[in-house]
Amino acid sequence: MSEHRRQLRLIEALLFAAPGPLAADDLAARLGEVGGCRGSCYGRLAETYAERGVNLVRLAGGWTFRTAPDLAAR
């Protein structure tokens, strides 16, 4: 598994477990993040989740998963 893929998986796990939004700096500190993953990882994860039941969104200065807008009222 590539380091980039490993970082994506770790970010995903931390965001799912977090009670609220996590700032990119907080995630980087927890991951010991390296290289160019910093900005690209969040955009890549957001794209991955764009068509799913949950979406990765920026909220309150951080990143978090939220129910997809088209499913929120159900």
PDB file of N, CA and C in Angstrom:
ATOM      1  N   MET A   1       0.854  -1.175   0.000  1.00  0.00           N
ATOM      2  CA  MET A   1       0.000   0.000   0.000  1.00  0.00           C
ATOM      3  C   MET A   1       0.900   1.238   0.000  1.00  0.00           C
ATOM      4  N   SER A   2       0.567   2.186  -0.854  1.00  0.00           N
ATOM      5  CA  SER A   2       1.373   3.402  -0.937  1.00  0.00           C
ATOM      6  C   SER A   2       1.177   4.260   0.320  1.00  0.00           C
ATOM      7  N   GLU A   3       2.131   5.111   0.571  1.00  0.00           N
ATOM      8  CA  GLU A   3       2.043   6.017   1.720  1.00  0.00           C
ATOM      9  C   GLU A   3       0.847   6.956   1.565  1.00  0.00           C
ATOM     10  N   HIS A   4       0.603   7.408   0.349  1.00  0.00           N
ATOM     11  CA  HIS A   4      -0.531   8.309   0.110  1.00  0.00           C
ATOM     12  C   HIS A   4      -1.848   7.608   0.445  1.00  0.00           C
ATOM     13  N   ARG A   5      -2.012   6.379   0.001  1.00  0.00           N
ATOM     14  CA  ARG A   5      -3.236   5.612   0.284  1.00  0.00           C
ATOM     15  C   ARG A   5      -3.387   5.364   1.783  1.00  0.00           C
ATOM     16  N   ARG A   6      -2.285   5.076   2.438  1.00  0.00           N
ATOM     17  CA  ARG A   6      -2.299   4.867   3.897  1.00  0.00           C
ATOM     18  C   ARG A   6      -2.764   6.136   4.603  1.00  0.00           C
ATOM     19  N   GLN A   7      -2.266   7.289   4.162  1.00  0.00           N
ATOM     20  CA  GLN A   7      -2.670   8.571   4.759  1.00  0.00           C
ATOM     21  C   GLN A   7      -4.174   8.803   4.555  1.00  0.00           C
ATOM     22  N   LEU A   8      -4.683   8.522   3.366  1.00  0.00           N
ATOM     23  CA  LEU A   8      -6.116   8.675   3.107  1.00  0.00           C
ATOM     24  C   LEU A   8      -6.942   7.825   4.056  1.00  0.00           C
ATOM     25  N   ARG A   9      -6.523   6.600   4.259  1.00  0.00           N
ATOM     26  CA  ARG A   9      -7.253   5.695   5.153  1.00  0.00           C
ATOM     27  C   ARG A   9      -7.224   6.179   6.596  1.00  0.00           C
ATOM     28  N   LEU A  10      -6.079   6.682   7.034  1.00  0.00           N
ATOM     29  CA  LEU A  10      -5.966   7.194   8.403  1.00  0.00           C
ATOM     30  C   LEU A  10      -6.821   8.444   8.605  1.00  0.00           C
ATOM     31  N   ILE A  11      -6.800   9.345   7.628  1.00  0.00           N
ATOM     32  CA  ILE A  11      -7.631  10.550   7.718  1.00  0.00           C
ATOM     33  C   ILE A  11      -9.099  10.157   7.789  1.00  0.00           C
ATOM     34  N   GLU A  12      -9.509   9.244   6.933  1.00  0.00           N
ATOM     35  CA  GLU A  12     -10.888   8.763   6.912  1.00  0.00           C
ATOM     36  C   GLU A  12     -11.288   8.198   8.272  1.00  0.00           C
ATOM     37  N   ALA A  13     -10.454   7.368   8.847  1.00  0.00           N
ATOM     38  CA  ALA A  13     -10.756   6.759  10.148  1.00  0.00           C
ATOM     39  C   ALA A  13     -10.870   7.808  11.251  1.00  0.00           C
ATOM     40  N   LEU A  14      -9.948   8.760  11.278  1.00  0.00           N
ATOM     41  CA  LEU A  14      -9.995   9.811  12.291  1.00  0.00           C
ATOM     42  C   LEU A  14     -11.253  10.657  12.156  1.00  0.00           C
ATOM     43  N   LEU A  15     -11.626  10.995  10.927  1.00  0.00           N
ATOM     44  CA  LEU A  15     -12.820  11.815  10.720  1.00  0.00           C
ATOM     45  C   LEU A  15     -14.087  11.073  11.110  1.00  0.00           C
ATOM     46  N   PHE A  16     -14.171   9.788  10.818  1.00  0.00           N
ATOM     47  CA  PHE A  16     -15.349   9.018  11.213  1.00  0.00           C
ATOM     48  C   PHE A  16     -15.466   8.913  12.731  1.00  0.00           C
ATOM     49  N   ALA A  17     -14.353   8.838  13.422  1.00  0.00           N
ATOM     50  CA  ALA A  17     -14.369   8.676  14.878  1.00  0.00           C
ATOM     51  C   ALA A  17     -14.531   9.990  15.634  1.00  0.00           C
ATOM     52  N   ALA A  18     -14.269  11.099  14.980  1.00  0.00           N
ATOM     53  CA  ALA A  18     -14.280  12.403  15.661  1.00  0.00           C
ATOM     54  C   ALA A  18     -15.708  12.867  15.960  1.00  0.00           C
ATOM     55  N   PRO A  19     -15.910  13.490  17.119  1.00  0.00           N
ATOM     56  CA  PRO A  19     -17.242  13.992  17.458  1.00  0.00           C
ATOM     57  C   PRO A  19     -17.606  15.278  16.708  1.00  0.00           C
ATOM     58  N   GLY A  20     -16.644  15.913  16.081  1.00  0.00           N
ATOM     59  CA  GLY A  20     -16.905  17.157  15.353  1.00  0.00           C
ATOM     60  C   GLY A  20     -15.829  17.363  14.309  1.00  0.00           C
ATOM     61  N   PRO A  21     -15.868  18.495  13.615  1.00  0.00           N
ATOM     62  CA  PRO A  21     -14.880  18.776  12.573  1.00  0.00           C
ATOM     63  C   PRO A  21     -13.452  18.782  13.113  1.00  0.00           C
ATOM     64  N   LEU A  22     -12.522  18.286  12.307  1.00  0.00           N
ATOM     65  CA  LEU A  22     -11.105  18.307  12.654  1.00  0.00           C
ATOM     66  C   LEU A  22     -10.371  19.181  11.650  1.00  0.00           C
ATOM     67  N   ALA A  23      -9.585  20.116  12.149  1.00  0.00           N
ATOM     68  CA  ALA A  23      -8.798  20.991  11.290  1.00  0.00           C
ATOM     69  C   ALA A  23      -7.679  20.189  10.635  1.00  0.00           C
ATOM     70  N   ALA A  24      -7.276  20.613   9.447  1.00  0.00           N
ATOM     71  CA  ALA A  24      -6.199  19.936   8.724  1.00  0.00           C
ATOM     72  C   ALA A  24      -4.931  19.896   9.572  1.00  0.00           C
ATOM     73  N   ASP A  25      -4.633  20.957  10.293  1.00  0.00           N
ATOM     74  CA  ASP A  25      -3.442  20.978  11.149  1.00  0.00           C
ATOM     75  C   ASP A  25      -3.531  19.941  12.264  1.00  0.00           C
ATOM     76  N   ASP A  26      -4.712  19.776  12.838  1.00  0.00           N
ATOM     77  CA  ASP A  26      -4.901  18.764  13.884  1.00  0.00           C
ATOM     78  C   ASP A  26      -4.722  17.359  13.317  1.00  0.00           C
ATOM     79  N   LEU A  27      -5.276  17.133  12.146  1.00  0.00           N
ATOM     80  CA  LEU A  27      -5.110  15.830  11.500  1.00  0.00           C
ATOM     81  C   LEU A  27      -3.644  15.571  11.184  1.00  0.00           C
ATOM     82  N   ALA A  28      -2.957  16.575  10.660  1.00  0.00           N
ATOM     83  CA  ALA A  28      -1.543  16.416  10.325  1.00  0.00           C
ATOM     84  C   ALA A  28      -0.723  16.085  11.559  1.00  0.00           C
ATOM     85  N   ALA A  29      -1.027  16.733  12.681  1.00  0.00           N
ATOM     86  CA  ALA A  29      -0.294  16.467  13.927  1.00  0.00           C
ATOM     87  C   ALA A  29      -0.518  15.033  14.400  1.00  0.00           C
ATOM     88  N   ARG A  30      -1.725  14.529  14.232  1.00  0.00           N
ATOM     89  CA  ARG A  30      -2.035  13.163  14.664  1.00  0.00           C
ATOM     90  C   ARG A  30      -1.436  12.113  13.745  1.00  0.00           C
ATOM     91  N   LEU A  31      -1.263  12.474  12.479  1.00  0.00           N
ATOM     92  CA  LEU A  31      -0.791  11.519  11.489  1.00  0.00           C
ATOM     93  C   LEU A  31       0.704  11.561  11.255  1.00  0.00           C
ATOM     94  N   GLY A  32       1.348  12.656  11.657  1.00  0.00           N
ATOM     95  CA  GLY A  32       2.739  12.828  11.278  1.00  0.00           C
ATOM     96  C   GLY A  32       2.819  12.929   9.761  1.00  0.00           C
ATOM     97  N   GLU A  33       1.878  13.652   9.197  1.00  0.00           N
ATOM     98  CA  GLU A  33       1.686  13.741   7.756  1.00  0.00           C
ATOM     99  C   GLU A  33       2.952  14.164   7.032  1.00  0.00           C
ATOM    100  N   VAL A  34       3.185  13.554   5.890  1.00  0.00           N
ATOM    101  CA  VAL A  34       4.382  13.825   5.094  1.00  0.00           C
ATOM    102  C   VAL A  34       4.008  14.226   3.678  1.00  0.00           C
ATOM    103  N   GLY A  35       4.936  14.860   3.015  1.00  0.00           N
ATOM    104  CA  GLY A  35       4.808  15.138   1.589  1.00  0.00           C
ATOM    105  C   GLY A  35       3.626  15.989   1.217  1.00  0.00           C
ATOM    106  N   GLY A  36       3.103  15.762  -0.009  1.00  0.00           N
ATOM    107  CA  GLY A  36       2.053  16.588  -0.580  1.00  0.00           C
ATOM    108  C   GLY A  36       0.653  16.158  -0.237  1.00  0.00           C
ATOM    109  N   CYS A  37       0.463  15.306   0.717  1.00  0.00           N
ATOM    110  CA  CYS A  37      -0.866  14.802   1.050  1.00  0.00           C
ATOM    111  C   CYS A  37      -1.736  15.881   1.675  1.00  0.00           C
ATOM    112  N   ARG A  38      -1.166  16.811   2.320  1.00  0.00           N
ATOM    113  CA  ARG A  38      -1.877  17.797   3.127  1.00  0.00           C
ATOM    114  C   ARG A  38      -3.167  18.317   2.497  1.00  0.00           C
ATOM    115  N   GLY A  39      -3.109  19.020   1.402  1.00  0.00           N
ATOM    116  CA  GLY A  39      -4.321  19.544   0.781  1.00  0.00           C
ATOM    117  C   GLY A  39      -4.997  18.553  -0.144  1.00  0.00           C
ATOM    118  N   SER A  40      -4.198  17.798  -0.850  1.00  0.00           N
ATOM    119  CA  SER A  40      -4.759  16.903  -1.861  1.00  0.00           C
ATOM    120  C   SER A  40      -5.570  15.770  -1.250  1.00  0.00           C
ATOM    121  N   CYS A  41      -5.223  15.318  -0.077  1.00  0.00           N
ATOM    122  CA  CYS A  41      -5.945  14.194   0.539  1.00  0.00           C
ATOM    123  C   CYS A  41      -7.400  14.549   0.824  1.00  0.00           C
ATOM    124  N   TYR A  42      -7.643  15.729   1.319  1.00  0.00           N
ATOM    125  CA  TYR A  42      -9.004  16.106   1.683  1.00  0.00           C
ATOM    126  C   TYR A  42      -9.868  16.264   0.446  1.00  0.00           C
ATOM    127  N   GLY A  43      -9.325  16.874  -0.590  1.00  0.00           N
ATOM    128  CA  GLY A  43     -10.060  16.994  -1.847  1.00  0.00           C
ATOM    129  C   GLY A  43     -10.338  15.643  -2.465  1.00  0.00           C
ATOM    130  N   ARG A  44      -9.357  14.767  -2.401  1.00  0.00           N
ATOM    131  CA  ARG A  44      -9.520  13.425  -2.965  1.00  0.00           C
ATOM    132  C   ARG A  44     -10.583  12.629  -2.201  1.00  0.00           C
ATOM    133  N   LEU A  45     -10.550  12.716  -0.885  1.00  0.00           N
ATOM    134  CA  LEU A  45     -11.579  12.034  -0.092  1.00  0.00           C
ATOM    135  C   LEU A  45     -12.957  12.630  -0.354  1.00  0.00           C
ATOM    136  N   ALA A  46     -13.030  13.955  -0.460  1.00  0.00           N
ATOM    137  CA  ALA A  46     -14.313  14.609  -0.742  1.00  0.00           C
ATOM    138  C   ALA A  46     -14.875  14.109  -2.073  1.00  0.00           C
ATOM    139  N   GLU A  47     -14.028  13.955  -3.079  1.00  0.00           N
ATOM    140  CA  GLU A  47     -14.471  13.431  -4.372  1.00  0.00           C
ATOM    141  C   GLU A  47     -14.961  11.991  -4.243  1.00  0.00           C
ATOM    142  N   THR A  48     -14.251  11.201  -3.462  1.00  0.00           N
ATOM    143  CA  THR A  48     -14.621   9.795  -3.260  1.00  0.00           C
ATOM    144  C   THR A  48     -16.010   9.679  -2.649  1.00  0.00           C
ATOM    145  N   TYR A  49     -16.338  10.560  -1.722  1.00  0.00           N
ATOM    146  CA  TYR A  49     -17.612  10.497  -1.010  1.00  0.00           C
ATOM    147  C   TYR A  49     -18.720  11.332  -1.647  1.00  0.00           C
ATOM    148  N   ALA A  50     -18.446  12.026  -2.732  1.00  0.00           N
ATOM    149  CA  ALA A  50     -19.416  12.947  -3.327  1.00  0.00           C
ATOM    150  C   ALA A  50     -20.726  12.283  -3.717  1.00  0.00           C
ATOM    151  N   GLU A  51     -20.707  11.050  -4.143  1.00  0.00           N
ATOM    152  CA  GLU A  51     -21.915  10.358  -4.603  1.00  0.00           C
ATOM    153  C   GLU A  51     -22.443   9.344  -3.584  1.00  0.00           C
ATOM    154  N   ARG A  52     -21.920   9.397  -2.372  1.00  0.00           N
ATOM    155  CA  ARG A  52     -22.324   8.419  -1.353  1.00  0.00           C
ATOM    156  C   ARG A  52     -23.347   9.011  -0.388  1.00  0.00           C
ATOM    157  N   GLY A  53     -23.732   8.243   0.582  1.00  0.00           N
ATOM    158  CA  GLY A  53     -24.715   8.671   1.572  1.00  0.00           C
ATOM    159  C   GLY A  53     -24.172   9.672   2.570  1.00  0.00           C
ATOM    160  N   VAL A  54     -22.869   9.737   2.698  1.00  0.00           N
ATOM    161  CA  VAL A  54     -22.216  10.760   3.515  1.00  0.00           C
ATOM    162  C   VAL A  54     -21.228  11.498   2.624  1.00  0.00           C
ATOM    163  N   ASN A  55     -21.018  12.768   2.928  1.00  0.00           N
ATOM    164  CA  ASN A  55     -20.080  13.601   2.177  1.00  0.00           C
ATOM    165  C   ASN A  55     -19.055  14.169   3.129  1.00  0.00           C
ATOM    166  N   LEU A  56     -17.830  14.320   2.641  1.00  0.00           N
ATOM    167  CA  LEU A  56     -16.786  14.993   3.391  1.00  0.00           C
ATOM    168  C   LEU A  56     -16.890  16.474   3.069  1.00  0.00           C
ATOM    169  N   VAL A  57     -17.086  17.292   4.110  1.00  0.00           N
ATOM    170  CA  VAL A  57     -17.290  18.729   3.913  1.00  0.00           C
ATOM    171  C   VAL A  57     -16.419  19.538   4.872  1.00  0.00           C
ATOM    172  N   ARG A  58     -16.147  20.773   4.463  1.00  0.00           N
ATOM    173  CA  ARG A  58     -15.468  21.716   5.358  1.00  0.00           C
ATOM    174  C   ARG A  58     -16.540  22.376   6.200  1.00  0.00           C
ATOM    175  N   LEU A  59     -16.316  22.411   7.507  1.00  0.00           N
ATOM    176  CA  LEU A  59     -17.287  22.987   8.431  1.00  0.00           C
ATOM    177  C   LEU A  59     -16.551  23.502   9.656  1.00  0.00           C
ATOM    178  N   ALA A  60     -16.842  24.696  10.061  1.00  0.00           N
ATOM    179  CA  ALA A  60     -16.270  25.275  11.280  1.00  0.00           C
ATOM    180  C   ALA A  60     -14.743  25.207  11.293  1.00  0.00           C
ATOM    181  N   GLY A  61     -14.136  25.477  10.149  1.00  0.00           N
ATOM    182  CA  GLY A  61     -12.683  25.490  10.066  1.00  0.00           C
ATOM    183  C   GLY A  61     -12.026  24.125  10.017  1.00  0.00           C
ATOM    184  N   GLY A  62     -12.815  23.083   9.820  1.00  0.00           N
ATOM    185  CA  GLY A  62     -12.248  21.741   9.769  1.00  0.00           C
ATOM    186  C   GLY A  62     -12.979  20.879   8.761  1.00  0.00           C
ATOM    187  N   TRP A  63     -12.680  19.603   8.802  1.00  0.00           N
ATOM    188  CA  TRP A  63     -13.297  18.615   7.910  1.00  0.00           C
ATOM    189  C   TRP A  63     -14.140  17.652   8.722  1.00  0.00           C
ATOM    190  N   THR A  64     -15.282  17.268   8.156  1.00  0.00           N
ATOM    191  CA  THR A  64     -16.166  16.333   8.835  1.00  0.00           C
ATOM    192  C   THR A  64     -17.043  15.610   7.822  1.00  0.00           C
ATOM    193  N   PHE A  65     -17.593  14.490   8.218  1.00  0.00           N
ATOM    194  CA  PHE A  65     -18.549  13.783   7.381  1.00  0.00           C
ATOM    195  C   PHE A  65     -19.954  14.207   7.784  1.00  0.00           C
ATOM    196  N   ARG A  66     -20.799  14.440   6.780  1.00  0.00           N
ATOM    197  CA  ARG A  66     -22.210  14.807   6.996  1.00  0.00           C
ATOM    198  C   ARG A  66     -23.065  13.986   6.048  1.00  0.00           C
ATOM    199  N   THR A  67     -24.289  13.779   6.439  1.00  0.00           N
ATOM    200  CA  THR A  67     -25.253  13.103   5.570  1.00  0.00           C
ATOM    201  C   THR A  67     -25.365  13.886   4.267  1.00  0.00           C
ATOM    202  N   ALA A  68     -25.418  13.184   3.153  1.00  0.00           N
ATOM    203  CA  ALA A  68     -25.588  13.841   1.859  1.00  0.00           C
ATOM    204  C   ALA A  68     -26.858  14.699   1.890  1.00  0.00           C
ATOM    205  N   PRO A  69     -26.810  15.905   1.340  1.00  0.00           N
ATOM    206  CA  PRO A  69     -27.955  16.820   1.424  1.00  0.00           C
ATOM    207  C   PRO A  69     -29.266  16.225   0.903  1.00  0.00           C
ATOM    208  N   ASP A  70     -29.208  15.427  -0.141  1.00  0.00           N
ATOM    209  CA  ASP A  70     -30.442  14.877  -0.695  1.00  0.00           C
ATOM    210  C   ASP A  70     -31.048  13.788   0.187  1.00  0.00           C
ATOM    211  N   LEU A  71     -30.323  13.321   1.185  1.00  0.00           N
ATOM    212  CA  LEU A  71     -30.823  12.292   2.095  1.00  0.00           C
ATOM    213  C   LEU A  71     -31.132  12.829   3.486  1.00  0.00           C
ATOM    214  N   ALA A  72     -30.731  14.043   3.769  1.00  0.00           N
ATOM    215  CA  ALA A  72     -30.814  14.593   5.117  1.00  0.00           C
ATOM    216  C   ALA A  72     -32.251  14.717   5.631  1.00  0.00           C
ATOM    217  N   ALA A  73     -33.198  14.975   4.771  1.00  0.00           N
ATOM    218  CA  ALA A  73     -34.583  15.191   5.213  1.00  0.00           C
ATOM    219  C   ALA A  73     -35.353  13.897   5.396  1.00  0.00           C
ATOM    220  N   ARG A  74     -34.774  12.779   5.135  1.00  0.00           N
ATOM    221  CA  ARG A  74     -35.502  11.506   5.210  1.00  0.00           C
ATOM    222  C   ARG A  74     -35.488  10.922   6.588  1.00  0.00           C
TER     223      ARG A  74
END
